[in-house]
Amino acid sequence: MYHSSREIRDREMIKAILDMCEVINVGFFDDKYPYVLPVNFGYDFDDDLVFYMHHAIDGYKNALVKKNPNVCVVTYKFIGHIKNDVDHSSHDYRSVMAFGEMSFIPQGCDEYRKAWDALARGYKHNVPGRVYEADFQVLMSKITCRPENVVGKSQIPIFDISQVPLKG
């Protein structure tokens, strides 16, 4: 990272940033160009940072994951038109970037329910009960990121969790 003073490695601060964000952008390997998709998500950050998402059973991204499960995840919250005395910037942001491995979660296992619960927390609503039924045609997946492959960033350096929320 060019401006190391903007780097965030604190787990609680990264979780606070993720809690502000509604969408992650997932970058997949493709033959000629990267393939990037925005998706809504849930997460857990205990040992590893694990992102959960749902999607169609068939699709291009599924084929890409089967070829190469390594992905990049980026999310951010941005605010413009602010004044500050630190660097006279007219904007501020919080972001998280992570590298990990994407895999599919079999329907019916405990992890499948855990993934839906995490997704519901991300959506901030309850999961409809039918998602656990055998004929529900949605694939759940996860992206597992080791902590050393997770970094947050802030335009204006922050030093504790109380500074995570954007002010504007």
Protein backbone atom coordinates (compact mmCIF):
# COMPACT_ATOMS: atom_id res chain seq x y z
CA MET A 1 0.00 0.00 0.00
CA TYR A 2 1.47 3.33 -1.08
CA HIS A 3 0.16 5.34 1.91
CA SER A 4 0.74 2.94 4.80
CA SER A 5 -0.79 5.46 7.21
CA ARG A 6 -4.18 4.72 5.58
CA GLU A 7 -3.89 0.95 6.09
CA ILE A 8 -6.27 -0.78 8.52
CA ARG A 9 -5.43 -4.25 9.87
CA ASP A 10 -7.49 -4.16 13.08
CA ARG A 11 -10.15 -6.90 12.87
CA GLU A 12 -12.85 -4.91 14.71
CA MET A 13 -12.34 -1.87 12.49
CA ILE A 14 -12.54 -4.04 9.36
CA LYS A 15 -15.77 -5.60 10.66
CA ALA A 16 -17.20 -2.12 11.29
CA ILE A 17 -16.38 -1.14 7.70
CA LEU A 18 -17.99 -4.33 6.36
CA ASP A 19 -21.09 -3.59 8.43
CA MET A 20 -21.44 -0.25 6.57
CA CYS A 21 -21.21 -1.85 3.13
CA GLU A 22 -24.06 -3.44 1.18
CA VAL A 23 -22.26 -4.98 -1.80
CA ILE A 24 -18.95 -6.68 -2.47
CA ASN A 25 -17.32 -6.78 -5.88
CA VAL A 26 -15.82 -10.19 -6.59
CA GLY A 27 -13.09 -10.48 -9.20
CA PHE A 28 -12.66 -13.81 -10.95
CA PHE A 29 -9.93 -15.03 -13.31
CA ASP A 30 -11.05 -15.20 -16.92
CA ASP A 31 -9.03 -15.86 -20.06
CA LYS A 32 -8.43 -12.35 -21.36
CA TYR A 33 -9.92 -9.92 -18.81
CA PRO A 34 -10.89 -10.11 -15.15
CA TYR A 35 -14.57 -10.87 -14.58
CA VAL A 36 -16.00 -8.75 -11.75
CA LEU A 37 -19.48 -9.07 -10.27
CA PRO A 38 -21.20 -7.02 -7.58
CA VAL A 39 -23.10 -9.21 -5.10
CA ASN A 40 -24.80 -8.69 -1.77
CA PHE A 41 -23.22 -10.64 1.05
CA GLY A 42 -23.02 -11.78 4.61
CA TYR A 43 -19.82 -12.52 6.48
CA ASP A 44 -18.20 -14.00 9.55
CA PHE A 45 -14.79 -12.92 10.77
CA ASP A 46 -13.70 -15.31 13.47
CA ASP A 47 -10.43 -16.98 12.48
CA ASP A 48 -10.70 -16.28 8.75
CA LEU A 49 -12.85 -13.68 7.02
CA VAL A 50 -15.57 -15.65 5.24
CA PHE A 51 -17.94 -13.95 2.81
CA TYR A 52 -21.22 -15.70 1.98
CA MET A 53 -23.37 -15.12 -1.09
CA HIS A 54 -26.13 -16.81 -3.04
CA HIS A 55 -26.51 -17.14 -6.79
CA ALA A 56 -27.88 -19.26 -9.60
CA ILE A 57 -27.01 -22.93 -9.70
CA ASP A 58 -25.57 -22.57 -13.19
CA GLY A 59 -23.72 -19.61 -14.57
CA TYR A 60 -20.51 -18.20 -15.91
CA LYS A 61 -18.99 -17.36 -12.52
CA ASN A 62 -19.53 -20.95 -11.37
CA ALA A 63 -17.55 -22.20 -14.37
CA LEU A 64 -14.78 -19.70 -13.60
CA VAL A 65 -14.61 -20.80 -9.95
CA LYS A 66 -14.32 -24.44 -11.02
CA LYS A 67 -11.36 -23.47 -13.26
CA ASN A 68 -9.70 -21.24 -10.65
CA PRO A 69 -11.22 -20.67 -7.19
CA ASN A 70 -8.90 -17.75 -6.31
CA VAL A 71 -10.77 -14.45 -6.17
CA CYS A 72 -10.39 -10.86 -5.03
CA VAL A 73 -13.07 -9.08 -3.00
CA VAL A 74 -13.43 -5.30 -2.74
CA THR A 75 -16.05 -3.26 -0.95
CA TYR A 76 -16.21 0.38 0.06
CA LYS A 77 -18.26 3.22 1.45
CA PHE A 78 -17.60 6.65 -0.05
CA ILE A 79 -18.64 10.16 0.89
CA GLY A 80 -17.90 13.25 -1.20
CA HIS A 81 -17.83 16.98 -0.68
CA ILE A 82 -16.37 17.15 2.82
CA LYS A 83 -13.81 19.53 4.23
CA ASN A 84 -10.96 18.44 6.43
CA ASP A 85 -7.77 19.95 7.75
CA VAL A 86 -5.67 16.82 7.29
CA ASP A 87 -5.13 16.72 3.54
CA HIS A 88 -7.73 19.19 2.20
CA SER A 89 -9.46 16.34 0.41
CA SER A 90 -13.01 16.75 -0.79
CA HIS A 91 -13.93 13.12 -0.05
CA ASP A 92 -13.45 10.30 2.40
CA TYR A 93 -13.93 6.55 2.18
CA ARG A 94 -13.51 3.27 3.99
CA SER A 95 -12.69 0.15 2.02
CA VAL A 96 -11.79 -3.49 2.47
CA MET A 97 -9.85 -5.63 0.00
CA ALA A 98 -9.33 -9.35 0.49
CA PHE A 99 -7.94 -12.27 -1.46
CA GLY A 100 -9.35 -15.73 -0.94
CA GLU A 101 -10.70 -18.94 -2.32
CA MET A 102 -14.32 -19.41 -3.36
CA SER A 103 -16.14 -22.69 -2.84
CA PHE A 104 -19.71 -23.95 -3.00
CA ILE A 105 -21.70 -24.99 0.07
CA PRO A 106 -23.84 -28.13 -0.25
CA GLN A 107 -27.52 -27.58 0.45
CA GLY A 108 -28.79 -29.11 3.68
CA CYS A 109 -25.57 -29.08 5.70
CA ASP A 110 -25.05 -26.97 8.84
CA GLU A 111 -22.78 -24.58 6.96
CA TYR A 112 -25.57 -23.91 4.44
CA ARG A 113 -27.83 -22.67 7.26
CA LYS A 114 -24.94 -20.68 8.77
CA ALA A 115 -24.36 -19.02 5.38
CA TRP A 116 -28.03 -18.02 5.04
CA ASP A 117 -28.02 -16.65 8.60
CA ALA A 118 -24.94 -14.55 7.82
CA LEU A 119 -26.57 -13.35 4.61
CA ALA A 120 -29.69 -12.36 6.55
CA ARG A 121 -27.55 -10.31 8.95
CA GLY A 122 -26.01 -8.59 5.94
CA TYR A 123 -29.47 -7.91 4.50
CA LYS A 124 -30.71 -6.96 7.98
CA HIS A 125 -33.84 -9.12 7.73
CA ASN A 126 -35.01 -12.68 8.36
CA VAL A 127 -34.36 -15.50 5.93
CA PRO A 128 -37.54 -17.02 4.49
CA GLY A 129 -37.88 -20.59 5.74
CA ARG A 130 -38.17 -22.05 2.24
CA VAL A 131 -34.45 -21.49 1.55
CA TYR A 132 -33.79 -24.62 3.62
CA GLU A 133 -36.13 -26.81 1.57
CA ALA A 134 -34.57 -29.39 -0.76
CA ASP A 135 -36.18 -27.97 -3.91
CA PHE A 136 -34.97 -24.38 -3.35
CA GLN A 137 -32.91 -23.69 -6.49
CA VAL A 138 -30.22 -21.35 -5.16
CA LEU A 139 -26.54 -22.10 -4.74
CA MET A 140 -24.70 -20.81 -1.68
CA SER A 141 -21.00 -20.12 -1.81
CA LYS A 142 -18.31 -18.76 0.42
CA ILE A 143 -15.03 -16.96 -0.01
CA THR A 144 -12.50 -17.81 2.67
CA CYS A 145 -9.81 -15.16 3.23
CA ARG A 146 -6.86 -15.61 5.60
CA PRO A 147 -6.43 -12.54 7.88
CA GLU A 148 -3.06 -11.69 6.33
CA ASN A 149 -4.87 -11.33 2.98
CA VAL A 150 -7.38 -8.80 4.32
CA VAL A 151 -6.72 -5.08 4.50
CA GLY A 152 -8.85 -2.04 5.12
CA LYS A 153 -8.11 1.47 4.01
CA SER A 154 -9.28 4.99 4.84
CA GLN A 155 -8.68 8.19 2.89
CA ILE A 156 -8.09 10.04 6.15
CA PRO A 157 -6.07 7.89 8.59
CA ILE A 158 -8.14 6.54 11.47
CA PHE A 159 -6.85 5.11 14.72
CA ASP A 160 -9.78 3.52 16.53
CA ILE A 161 -13.19 2.05 15.87
CA SER A 162 -15.02 5.25 16.84
CA GLN A 163 -13.53 6.88 13.72
CA VAL A 164 -14.84 4.24 11.29
CA PRO A 165 -18.26 5.85 10.59
CA LEU A 166 -18.04 8.45 7.86
CA LYS A 167 -18.89 12.00 8.84
CA GLY A 168 -20.20 14.35 6.25
